[in-house]
Amino acid sequence: LGPNGCGKPTLLRCLLGGLEWASGRIVLGTGVKPGYFDQMLTGLDDDVPVLDAVRPSHKEFIEQQRRDLLARFGVTGEMVFQKVGSLSGGERNRTALARLSASDANFLILDEPTNHLDLWARGALEKALVEFDGSVLFVSHDRYFLNQVATKLLIVEPGRFRVIDGNYDTYLH
């Protein structure tokens, strides 16, 4: 958590190796496979059909598996044949989350994952993250989402970081 402009997405990109640290280093544990959800959805190709956008490059993933996966995220019917660029913001978010789910990541790094999601999709995301067997690091301004999912908060403040054990309500108290 922290005010706009304090560098939260920058921190996430540094953790993923996309930006250089000013000092220090990052070492991921053995077997850690990060997966990234970018709030700008830059990982999705607008010219690709949704059904192909969720296909991981590292494993066999037949059409029915991709359809089943997309359906769990509320992307169904003829929508799966549309180009990603024709989707609404919420549909694009759900497609990106489905793609992340197919990646076999065990460390999820999420930048504003609830943007553009309706209540059903938010609830499904909350449930999936609570049940997720790996680690999750996320940036969010969604206080309800923070209360449902977060167990520890990193508070970014001018000149320092604070760690709070608990959710947003704990932070307020």
N, C-alpha and C. Protein backbone atom coordinates (compact mmCIF):
# COMPACT_ATOMS: atom_id res chain seq x y z
N LEU A 1 0.84 -1.19 0.00
CA LEU A 1 0.00 0.00 0.00
C LEU A 1 0.88 1.24 0.00
N GLY A 2 0.35 2.30 -0.55
CA GLY A 2 1.04 3.58 -0.54
C GLY A 2 0.36 4.54 -1.48
N PRO A 3 0.71 5.80 -1.37
CA PRO A 3 0.07 6.80 -2.23
C PRO A 3 0.48 6.62 -3.70
N ASN A 4 -0.35 7.15 -4.60
CA ASN A 4 -0.01 7.12 -6.01
C ASN A 4 1.34 7.80 -6.24
N GLY A 5 2.15 7.21 -7.10
CA GLY A 5 3.44 7.80 -7.44
C GLY A 5 4.58 7.42 -6.53
N CYS A 6 4.34 6.53 -5.55
CA CYS A 6 5.42 6.17 -4.62
C CYS A 6 6.28 5.01 -5.12
N GLY A 7 5.92 4.40 -6.26
CA GLY A 7 6.78 3.38 -6.84
C GLY A 7 6.34 1.94 -6.64
N LYS A 8 5.08 1.70 -6.32
CA LYS A 8 4.62 0.32 -6.10
C LYS A 8 4.78 -0.54 -7.36
N PRO A 9 4.27 -0.13 -8.52
CA PRO A 9 4.49 -0.95 -9.72
C PRO A 9 5.97 -1.05 -10.10
N THR A 10 6.74 -0.02 -9.82
CA THR A 10 8.18 -0.06 -10.10
C THR A 10 8.84 -1.14 -9.26
N LEU A 11 8.45 -1.25 -8.00
CA LEU A 11 8.98 -2.31 -7.14
C LEU A 11 8.66 -3.68 -7.72
N LEU A 12 7.43 -3.87 -8.20
CA LEU A 12 7.06 -5.16 -8.79
C LEU A 12 7.91 -5.47 -10.01
N ARG A 13 8.11 -4.47 -10.88
CA ARG A 13 8.93 -4.70 -12.08
C ARG A 13 10.38 -4.99 -11.72
N CYS A 14 10.89 -4.37 -10.67
CA CYS A 14 12.25 -4.69 -10.22
C CYS A 14 12.34 -6.14 -9.75
N LEU A 15 11.33 -6.59 -9.02
CA LEU A 15 11.32 -7.98 -8.55
C LEU A 15 11.31 -8.97 -9.71
N LEU A 16 10.69 -8.57 -10.81
CA LEU A 16 10.62 -9.45 -11.98
C LEU A 16 11.84 -9.33 -12.89
N GLY A 17 12.76 -8.43 -12.55
CA GLY A 17 13.96 -8.26 -13.35
C GLY A 17 13.79 -7.31 -14.52
N GLY A 18 12.66 -6.62 -14.60
CA GLY A 18 12.42 -5.70 -15.71
C GLY A 18 13.07 -4.34 -15.53
N LEU A 19 13.48 -4.02 -14.32
CA LEU A 19 14.16 -2.76 -14.02
C LEU A 19 15.34 -3.03 -13.11
N GLU A 20 16.34 -2.21 -13.21
CA GLU A 20 17.53 -2.34 -12.36
C GLU A 20 17.29 -1.71 -11.00
N TRP A 21 17.76 -2.36 -9.97
CA TRP A 21 17.76 -1.80 -8.62
C TRP A 21 18.84 -0.73 -8.53
N ALA A 22 18.64 0.26 -7.67
CA ALA A 22 19.68 1.26 -7.40
C ALA A 22 20.81 0.61 -6.62
N SER A 23 20.47 -0.33 -5.73
CA SER A 23 21.48 -1.06 -4.97
C SER A 23 20.86 -2.36 -4.48
N GLY A 24 21.69 -3.27 -4.03
CA GLY A 24 21.20 -4.55 -3.55
C GLY A 24 20.98 -5.53 -4.68
N ARG A 25 20.31 -6.64 -4.36
CA ARG A 25 20.05 -7.65 -5.36
C ARG A 25 18.79 -8.43 -4.99
N ILE A 26 18.27 -9.12 -5.96
CA ILE A 26 17.09 -9.96 -5.77
C ILE A 26 17.48 -11.38 -6.11
N VAL A 27 17.16 -12.30 -5.21
CA VAL A 27 17.42 -13.71 -5.46
C VAL A 27 16.14 -14.46 -5.14
N LEU A 28 15.56 -15.07 -6.17
CA LEU A 28 14.37 -15.89 -5.95
C LEU A 28 14.81 -17.27 -5.49
N GLY A 29 14.00 -17.89 -4.65
CA GLY A 29 14.30 -19.21 -4.14
C GLY A 29 14.31 -20.27 -5.24
N THR A 30 14.91 -21.39 -4.96
CA THR A 30 14.95 -22.51 -5.89
C THR A 30 13.53 -22.96 -6.20
N GLY A 31 13.23 -23.11 -7.47
CA GLY A 31 11.92 -23.60 -7.88
C GLY A 31 10.84 -22.53 -7.93
N VAL A 32 11.17 -21.28 -7.62
CA VAL A 32 10.16 -20.22 -7.67
C VAL A 32 9.92 -19.83 -9.12
N LYS A 33 8.65 -19.86 -9.52
CA LYS A 33 8.25 -19.51 -10.89
C LYS A 33 7.29 -18.33 -10.80
N PRO A 34 7.79 -17.11 -11.01
CA PRO A 34 6.90 -15.95 -10.92
C PRO A 34 5.96 -15.84 -12.12
N GLY A 35 4.79 -15.34 -11.85
CA GLY A 35 3.82 -15.01 -12.89
C GLY A 35 3.32 -13.60 -12.62
N TYR A 36 3.20 -12.78 -13.65
CA TYR A 36 2.92 -11.36 -13.48
C TYR A 36 1.60 -10.96 -14.14
N PHE A 37 0.79 -10.24 -13.40
CA PHE A 37 -0.41 -9.61 -13.93
C PHE A 37 -0.16 -8.11 -13.95
N ASP A 38 -0.09 -7.56 -15.14
CA ASP A 38 0.20 -6.15 -15.36
C ASP A 38 -1.11 -5.39 -15.52
N GLN A 39 -1.35 -4.38 -14.69
CA GLN A 39 -2.61 -3.65 -14.78
C GLN A 39 -2.84 -3.02 -16.15
N MET A 40 -1.78 -2.78 -16.90
CA MET A 40 -1.93 -2.22 -18.24
C MET A 40 -2.19 -3.30 -19.29
N LEU A 41 -2.12 -4.55 -18.88
CA LEU A 41 -2.39 -5.71 -19.73
C LEU A 41 -1.51 -5.74 -20.98
N THR A 42 -0.26 -5.33 -20.82
CA THR A 42 0.65 -5.30 -21.95
C THR A 42 1.06 -6.69 -22.43
N GLY A 43 0.82 -7.73 -21.62
CA GLY A 43 1.17 -9.09 -22.02
C GLY A 43 0.19 -9.72 -22.97
N LEU A 44 -0.94 -9.06 -23.20
CA LEU A 44 -1.94 -9.60 -24.13
C LEU A 44 -1.77 -8.95 -25.49
N ASP A 45 -1.79 -9.77 -26.53
CA ASP A 45 -1.70 -9.29 -27.90
C ASP A 45 -3.10 -9.01 -28.41
N ASP A 46 -3.39 -7.75 -28.74
CA ASP A 46 -4.73 -7.34 -29.18
C ASP A 46 -5.19 -8.05 -30.46
N ASP A 47 -4.26 -8.52 -31.27
CA ASP A 47 -4.60 -9.11 -32.57
C ASP A 47 -4.82 -10.61 -32.54
N VAL A 48 -4.73 -11.21 -31.34
CA VAL A 48 -4.84 -12.66 -31.20
C VAL A 48 -6.24 -13.01 -30.66
N PRO A 49 -6.84 -14.09 -31.16
CA PRO A 49 -8.11 -14.53 -30.57
C PRO A 49 -7.93 -14.91 -29.10
N VAL A 50 -8.95 -14.67 -28.31
CA VAL A 50 -8.90 -14.95 -26.87
C VAL A 50 -8.46 -16.39 -26.62
N LEU A 51 -8.98 -17.33 -27.38
CA LEU A 51 -8.66 -18.74 -27.20
C LEU A 51 -7.16 -19.00 -27.34
N ASP A 52 -6.49 -18.24 -28.18
CA ASP A 52 -5.04 -18.41 -28.34
C ASP A 52 -4.25 -17.58 -27.33
N ALA A 53 -4.84 -16.51 -26.82
CA ALA A 53 -4.13 -15.63 -25.89
C ALA A 53 -3.82 -16.31 -24.57
N VAL A 54 -4.59 -17.33 -24.19
CA VAL A 54 -4.35 -18.00 -22.90
C VAL A 54 -3.46 -19.22 -23.03
N ARG A 55 -3.05 -19.55 -24.25
CA ARG A 55 -2.24 -20.75 -24.46
C ARG A 55 -0.81 -20.52 -23.97
N PRO A 56 -0.37 -21.30 -22.99
CA PRO A 56 1.01 -21.17 -22.53
C PRO A 56 1.97 -21.76 -23.57
N SER A 57 3.11 -21.13 -23.73
CA SER A 57 4.06 -21.59 -24.75
C SER A 57 4.84 -22.81 -24.29
N HIS A 58 4.83 -23.11 -22.99
CA HIS A 58 5.70 -24.16 -22.46
C HIS A 58 5.02 -25.52 -22.29
N LYS A 59 3.73 -25.63 -22.66
CA LYS A 59 3.08 -26.93 -22.47
C LYS A 59 1.94 -27.11 -23.47
N GLU A 60 1.56 -28.37 -23.65
CA GLU A 60 0.41 -28.70 -24.50
C GLU A 60 -0.85 -28.24 -23.78
N PHE A 61 -1.70 -27.55 -24.50
CA PHE A 61 -2.93 -27.03 -23.90
C PHE A 61 -4.00 -27.03 -24.99
N ILE A 62 -4.73 -28.12 -25.09
CA ILE A 62 -5.69 -28.27 -26.18
C ILE A 62 -6.85 -27.28 -26.05
N GLU A 63 -7.60 -27.14 -27.15
CA GLU A 63 -8.67 -26.14 -27.19
C GLU A 63 -9.68 -26.32 -26.06
N GLN A 64 -10.09 -27.55 -25.78
CA GLN A 64 -11.10 -27.76 -24.73
C GLN A 64 -10.57 -27.33 -23.36
N GLN A 65 -9.30 -27.59 -23.10
CA GLN A 65 -8.70 -27.14 -21.84
C GLN A 65 -8.72 -25.61 -21.74
N ARG A 66 -8.42 -24.95 -22.87
CA ARG A 66 -8.42 -23.49 -22.88
C ARG A 66 -9.84 -22.95 -22.70
N ARG A 67 -10.82 -23.58 -23.34
CA ARG A 67 -12.22 -23.16 -23.19
C ARG A 67 -12.68 -23.34 -21.73
N ASP A 68 -12.33 -24.47 -21.14
CA ASP A 68 -12.71 -24.73 -19.74
C ASP A 68 -12.08 -23.69 -18.81
N LEU A 69 -10.82 -23.39 -19.05
CA LEU A 69 -10.13 -22.39 -18.24
C LEU A 69 -10.81 -21.03 -18.38
N LEU A 70 -11.05 -20.60 -19.60
CA LEU A 70 -11.70 -19.31 -19.82
C LEU A 70 -13.08 -19.26 -19.19
N ALA A 71 -13.81 -20.36 -19.24
CA ALA A 71 -15.15 -20.40 -18.65
C ALA A 71 -15.10 -20.17 -17.15
N ARG A 72 -14.06 -20.68 -16.50
CA ARG A 72 -13.92 -20.45 -15.05
C ARG A 72 -13.73 -18.96 -14.73
N PHE A 73 -13.31 -18.21 -15.73
CA PHE A 73 -13.12 -16.77 -15.57
C PHE A 73 -14.25 -15.97 -16.23
N GLY A 74 -15.32 -16.66 -16.61
CA GLY A 74 -16.48 -15.98 -17.16
C GLY A 74 -16.36 -15.57 -18.61
N VAL A 75 -15.42 -16.15 -19.32
CA VAL A 75 -15.24 -15.86 -20.75
C VAL A 75 -15.72 -17.10 -21.50
N THR A 76 -16.90 -16.99 -22.14
CA THR A 76 -17.54 -18.16 -22.71
C THR A 76 -18.09 -17.87 -24.11
N GLY A 77 -18.62 -18.93 -24.73
CA GLY A 77 -19.32 -18.80 -26.01
C GLY A 77 -18.45 -18.24 -27.11
N GLU A 78 -19.07 -17.43 -27.96
CA GLU A 78 -18.39 -16.85 -29.11
C GLU A 78 -17.29 -15.86 -28.71
N MET A 79 -17.34 -15.40 -27.46
CA MET A 79 -16.34 -14.44 -26.99
C MET A 79 -14.92 -15.00 -27.13
N VAL A 80 -14.76 -16.33 -27.03
CA VAL A 80 -13.43 -16.92 -27.09
C VAL A 80 -12.79 -16.80 -28.47
N PHE A 81 -13.61 -16.51 -29.50
CA PHE A 81 -13.08 -16.38 -30.85
C PHE A 81 -12.81 -14.92 -31.23
N GLN A 82 -13.21 -13.98 -30.38
CA GLN A 82 -12.96 -12.56 -30.65
C GLN A 82 -11.48 -12.24 -30.46
N LYS A 83 -11.04 -11.21 -31.13
CA LYS A 83 -9.68 -10.71 -30.90
C LYS A 83 -9.64 -10.05 -29.53
N VAL A 84 -8.54 -10.20 -28.84
CA VAL A 84 -8.38 -9.63 -27.50
C VAL A 84 -8.67 -8.13 -27.51
N GLY A 85 -8.25 -7.43 -28.56
CA GLY A 85 -8.44 -5.98 -28.65
C GLY A 85 -9.89 -5.55 -28.69
N SER A 86 -10.82 -6.45 -29.01
CA SER A 86 -12.23 -6.09 -29.07
C SER A 86 -12.96 -6.27 -27.75
N LEU A 87 -12.26 -6.81 -26.74
CA LEU A 87 -12.89 -7.08 -25.45
C LEU A 87 -13.01 -5.82 -24.60
N SER A 88 -13.96 -5.83 -23.68
CA SER A 88 -14.08 -4.74 -22.70
C SER A 88 -12.92 -4.84 -21.71
N GLY A 89 -12.77 -3.84 -20.88
CA GLY A 89 -11.71 -3.85 -19.87
C GLY A 89 -11.81 -5.04 -18.94
N GLY A 90 -13.02 -5.34 -18.47
CA GLY A 90 -13.22 -6.47 -17.58
C GLY A 90 -12.94 -7.81 -18.25
N GLU A 91 -13.37 -7.94 -19.51
CA GLU A 91 -13.12 -9.17 -20.25
C GLU A 91 -11.63 -9.37 -20.50
N ARG A 92 -10.93 -8.29 -20.78
CA ARG A 92 -9.47 -8.36 -20.97
C ARG A 92 -8.80 -8.78 -19.66
N ASN A 93 -9.23 -8.19 -18.54
CA ASN A 93 -8.67 -8.57 -17.24
C ASN A 93 -8.88 -10.05 -16.95
N ARG A 94 -10.09 -10.53 -17.19
CA ARG A 94 -10.38 -11.94 -16.93
C ARG A 94 -9.56 -12.84 -17.84
N THR A 95 -9.36 -12.43 -19.08
CA THR A 95 -8.52 -13.20 -20.01
C THR A 95 -7.07 -13.23 -19.51
N ALA A 96 -6.57 -12.09 -19.06
CA ALA A 96 -5.19 -12.04 -18.54
C ALA A 96 -5.04 -12.90 -17.29
N LEU A 97 -6.05 -12.90 -16.43
CA LEU A 97 -5.99 -13.75 -15.24
C LEU A 97 -6.05 -15.23 -15.61
N ALA A 98 -6.85 -15.58 -16.61
CA ALA A 98 -6.89 -16.96 -17.08
C ALA A 98 -5.52 -17.37 -17.64
N ARG A 99 -4.92 -16.49 -18.40
CA ARG A 99 -3.59 -16.77 -18.96
C ARG A 99 -2.57 -16.99 -17.84
N LEU A 100 -2.62 -16.15 -16.82
CA LEU A 100 -1.72 -16.30 -15.67
C LEU A 100 -1.96 -17.64 -14.98
N SER A 101 -3.21 -18.02 -14.85
CA SER A 101 -3.57 -19.29 -14.22
C SER A 101 -2.97 -20.48 -14.98
N ALA A 102 -2.89 -20.37 -16.29
CA ALA A 102 -2.36 -21.45 -17.12
C ALA A 102 -0.83 -21.52 -17.09
N SER A 103 -0.19 -20.53 -16.51
CA SER A 103 1.27 -20.43 -16.59
C SER A 103 2.02 -21.33 -15.61
N ASP A 104 1.32 -21.94 -14.66
CA ASP A 104 1.94 -22.79 -13.63
C ASP A 104 2.88 -22.03 -12.70
N ALA A 105 2.67 -20.73 -12.56
CA ALA A 105 3.48 -19.93 -11.64
C ALA A 105 3.15 -20.32 -10.20
N ASN A 106 4.16 -20.23 -9.33
CA ASN A 106 3.92 -20.48 -7.91
C ASN A 106 4.18 -19.23 -7.06
N PHE A 107 4.50 -18.13 -7.72
CA PHE A 107 4.66 -16.83 -7.08
C PHE A 107 3.97 -15.80 -7.96
N LEU A 108 2.78 -15.39 -7.56
CA LEU A 108 2.00 -14.45 -8.35
C LEU A 108 2.32 -13.03 -7.94
N ILE A 109 2.60 -12.20 -8.91
CA ILE A 109 2.85 -10.77 -8.70
C ILE A 109 1.77 -10.03 -9.48
N LEU A 110 0.87 -9.36 -8.76
CA LEU A 110 -0.32 -8.79 -9.36
C LEU A 110 -0.36 -7.28 -9.13
N ASP A 111 -0.50 -6.54 -10.21
CA ASP A 111 -0.60 -5.08 -10.14
C ASP A 111 -2.05 -4.68 -10.42
N GLU A 112 -2.77 -4.30 -9.38
CA GLU A 112 -4.18 -3.87 -9.47
C GLU A 112 -5.04 -4.91 -10.19
N PRO A 113 -5.11 -6.13 -9.65
CA PRO A 113 -5.84 -7.19 -10.36
C PRO A 113 -7.36 -7.02 -10.39
N THR A 114 -7.94 -6.19 -9.53
CA THR A 114 -9.40 -6.05 -9.51
C THR A 114 -9.91 -4.94 -10.40
N ASN A 115 -9.03 -4.18 -11.03
CA ASN A 115 -9.49 -3.12 -11.94
C ASN A 115 -10.38 -3.72 -13.02
N HIS A 116 -11.49 -3.08 -13.28
CA HIS A 116 -12.43 -3.45 -14.35
C HIS A 116 -13.20 -4.74 -14.10
N LEU A 117 -13.04 -5.37 -12.94
CA LEU A 117 -13.75 -6.62 -12.68
C LEU A 117 -15.09 -6.35 -12.02
N ASP A 118 -16.11 -7.11 -12.43
CA ASP A 118 -17.41 -7.00 -11.77
C ASP A 118 -17.36 -7.77 -10.44
N LEU A 119 -18.44 -7.70 -9.67
CA LEU A 119 -18.45 -8.33 -8.35
C LEU A 119 -18.24 -9.83 -8.42
N TRP A 120 -18.85 -10.50 -9.42
CA TRP A 120 -18.67 -11.94 -9.55
C TRP A 120 -17.20 -12.28 -9.78
N ALA A 121 -16.56 -11.56 -10.69
CA ALA A 121 -15.15 -11.84 -11.01
C ALA A 121 -14.25 -11.52 -9.82
N ARG A 122 -14.55 -10.45 -9.10
CA ARG A 122 -13.75 -10.12 -7.90
C ARG A 122 -13.86 -11.23 -6.86
N GLY A 123 -15.08 -11.69 -6.64
CA GLY A 123 -15.28 -12.77 -5.67
C GLY A 123 -14.53 -14.03 -6.07
N ALA A 124 -14.58 -14.37 -7.35
CA ALA A 124 -13.88 -15.56 -7.85
C ALA A 124 -12.37 -15.39 -7.68
N LEU A 125 -11.86 -14.21 -7.97
CA LEU A 125 -10.43 -13.94 -7.80
C LEU A 125 -10.03 -14.05 -6.33
N GLU A 126 -10.81 -13.45 -5.45
CA GLU A 126 -10.51 -13.53 -4.01
C GLU A 126 -10.43 -14.98 -3.55
N LYS A 127 -11.43 -15.77 -3.94
CA LYS A 127 -11.46 -17.18 -3.55
C LYS A 127 -10.25 -17.92 -4.10
N ALA A 128 -9.92 -17.69 -5.37
CA ALA A 128 -8.79 -18.37 -5.99
C ALA A 128 -7.47 -18.01 -5.30
N LEU A 129 -7.30 -16.74 -4.93
CA LEU A 129 -6.05 -16.33 -4.29
C LEU A 129 -5.94 -16.87 -2.86
N VAL A 130 -7.04 -16.90 -2.15
CA VAL A 130 -7.02 -17.45 -0.79
C VAL A 130 -6.67 -18.93 -0.82
N GLU A 131 -7.15 -19.64 -1.85
CA GLU A 131 -6.90 -21.08 -1.98
C GLU A 131 -5.58 -21.39 -2.70
N PHE A 132 -4.94 -20.38 -3.27
CA PHE A 132 -3.70 -20.58 -4.04
C PHE A 132 -2.62 -21.17 -3.14
N ASP A 133 -1.91 -22.16 -3.65
CA ASP A 133 -0.92 -22.90 -2.87
C ASP A 133 0.45 -22.23 -2.84
N GLY A 134 0.65 -21.19 -3.64
CA GLY A 134 1.94 -20.51 -3.67
C GLY A 134 1.90 -19.20 -2.91
N SER A 135 2.77 -18.30 -3.31
CA SER A 135 2.85 -16.97 -2.70
C SER A 135 2.25 -15.93 -3.63
N VAL A 136 1.69 -14.88 -3.06
CA VAL A 136 1.07 -13.81 -3.84
C VAL A 136 1.55 -12.47 -3.29
N LEU A 137 2.01 -11.62 -4.19
CA LEU A 137 2.37 -10.25 -3.86
C LEU A 137 1.55 -9.37 -4.77
N PHE A 138 0.77 -8.44 -4.21
CA PHE A 138 -0.06 -7.62 -5.07
C PHE A 138 -0.13 -6.18 -4.59
N VAL A 139 -0.39 -5.31 -5.55
CA VAL A 139 -0.68 -3.90 -5.29
C VAL A 139 -2.16 -3.72 -5.55
N SER A 140 -2.86 -3.07 -4.62
CA SER A 140 -4.28 -2.82 -4.81
C SER A 140 -4.72 -1.62 -3.98
N HIS A 141 -5.66 -0.86 -4.55
CA HIS A 141 -6.32 0.21 -3.81
C HIS A 141 -7.71 -0.23 -3.36
N ASP A 142 -8.07 -1.48 -3.66
CA ASP A 142 -9.38 -2.03 -3.34
C ASP A 142 -9.36 -2.52 -1.89
N ARG A 143 -9.93 -1.72 -1.00
CA ARG A 143 -9.86 -2.03 0.43
C ARG A 143 -10.58 -3.32 0.78
N TYR A 144 -11.72 -3.57 0.15
CA TYR A 144 -12.45 -4.81 0.42
C TYR A 144 -11.59 -6.01 0.01
N PHE A 145 -10.99 -5.94 -1.17
CA PHE A 145 -10.11 -7.01 -1.67
C PHE A 145 -8.95 -7.22 -0.69
N LEU A 146 -8.35 -6.13 -0.23
CA LEU A 146 -7.26 -6.24 0.74
C LEU A 146 -7.70 -6.98 2.00
N ASN A 147 -8.90 -6.68 2.48
CA ASN A 147 -9.40 -7.34 3.68
C ASN A 147 -9.66 -8.82 3.45
N GLN A 148 -10.06 -9.19 2.26
CA GLN A 148 -10.39 -10.58 1.98
C GLN A 148 -9.16 -11.44 1.72
N VAL A 149 -8.09 -10.85 1.17
CA VAL A 149 -6.97 -11.64 0.66
C VAL A 149 -5.67 -11.43 1.44
N ALA A 150 -5.37 -10.20 1.80
CA ALA A 150 -4.06 -9.89 2.39
C ALA A 150 -3.93 -10.46 3.81
N THR A 151 -2.74 -10.98 4.10
CA THR A 151 -2.42 -11.43 5.45
C THR A 151 -1.25 -10.63 6.02
N LYS A 152 -0.59 -9.87 5.16
CA LYS A 152 0.54 -9.03 5.55
C LYS A 152 0.58 -7.86 4.58
N LEU A 153 0.85 -6.67 5.10
CA LEU A 153 0.90 -5.48 4.26
C LEU A 153 2.29 -4.86 4.31
N LEU A 154 2.77 -4.41 3.16
CA LEU A 154 3.99 -3.62 3.08
C LEU A 154 3.52 -2.21 2.77
N ILE A 155 3.71 -1.31 3.71
CA ILE A 155 3.27 0.07 3.58
C ILE A 155 4.44 0.90 3.08
N VAL A 156 4.25 1.53 1.91
CA VAL A 156 5.29 2.37 1.32
C VAL A 156 5.00 3.81 1.74
N GLU A 157 5.94 4.40 2.47
CA GLU A 157 5.81 5.77 2.94
C GLU A 157 7.05 6.55 2.54
N PRO A 158 6.97 7.86 2.53
CA PRO A 158 8.16 8.64 2.16
C PRO A 158 9.38 8.27 3.03
N GLY A 159 10.40 7.74 2.39
CA GLY A 159 11.64 7.43 3.08
C GLY A 159 11.67 6.13 3.86
N ARG A 160 10.56 5.35 3.85
CA ARG A 160 10.60 4.10 4.62
C ARG A 160 9.50 3.14 4.18
N PHE A 161 9.66 1.89 4.63
CA PHE A 161 8.66 0.85 4.46
C PHE A 161 8.26 0.36 5.84
N ARG A 162 7.01 -0.03 5.99
CA ARG A 162 6.55 -0.67 7.23
C ARG A 162 5.85 -1.97 6.86
N VAL A 163 5.98 -2.98 7.71
CA VAL A 163 5.28 -4.24 7.51
C VAL A 163 4.23 -4.37 8.61
N ILE A 164 3.02 -4.72 8.21
CA ILE A 164 1.92 -4.91 9.15
C ILE A 164 1.40 -6.34 8.98
N ASP A 165 1.36 -7.10 10.05
CA ASP A 165 0.76 -8.43 10.02
C ASP A 165 -0.75 -8.26 10.08
N GLY A 166 -1.44 -8.65 9.02
CA GLY A 166 -2.88 -8.52 8.99
C GLY A 166 -3.36 -7.90 7.69
N ASN A 167 -4.64 -7.52 7.67
CA ASN A 167 -5.24 -6.97 6.47
C ASN A 167 -5.44 -5.47 6.61
N TYR A 168 -6.28 -4.90 5.75
CA TYR A 168 -6.46 -3.45 5.75
C TYR A 168 -7.08 -2.94 7.05
N ASP A 169 -8.04 -3.70 7.61
CA ASP A 169 -8.63 -3.30 8.90
C ASP A 169 -7.56 -3.25 9.99
N THR A 170 -6.65 -4.20 9.99
CA THR A 170 -5.55 -4.19 10.96
C THR A 170 -4.73 -2.92 10.79
N TYR A 171 -4.44 -2.58 9.57
CA TYR A 171 -3.67 -1.36 9.27
C TYR A 171 -4.37 -0.10 9.80
N LEU A 172 -5.69 -0.04 9.62
CA LEU A 172 -6.44 1.13 10.10
C LEU A 172 -6.39 1.26 11.61
N HIS A 173 -6.34 0.14 12.30
CA HIS A 173 -6.28 0.18 13.77
C HIS A 173 -4.86 0.34 14.26
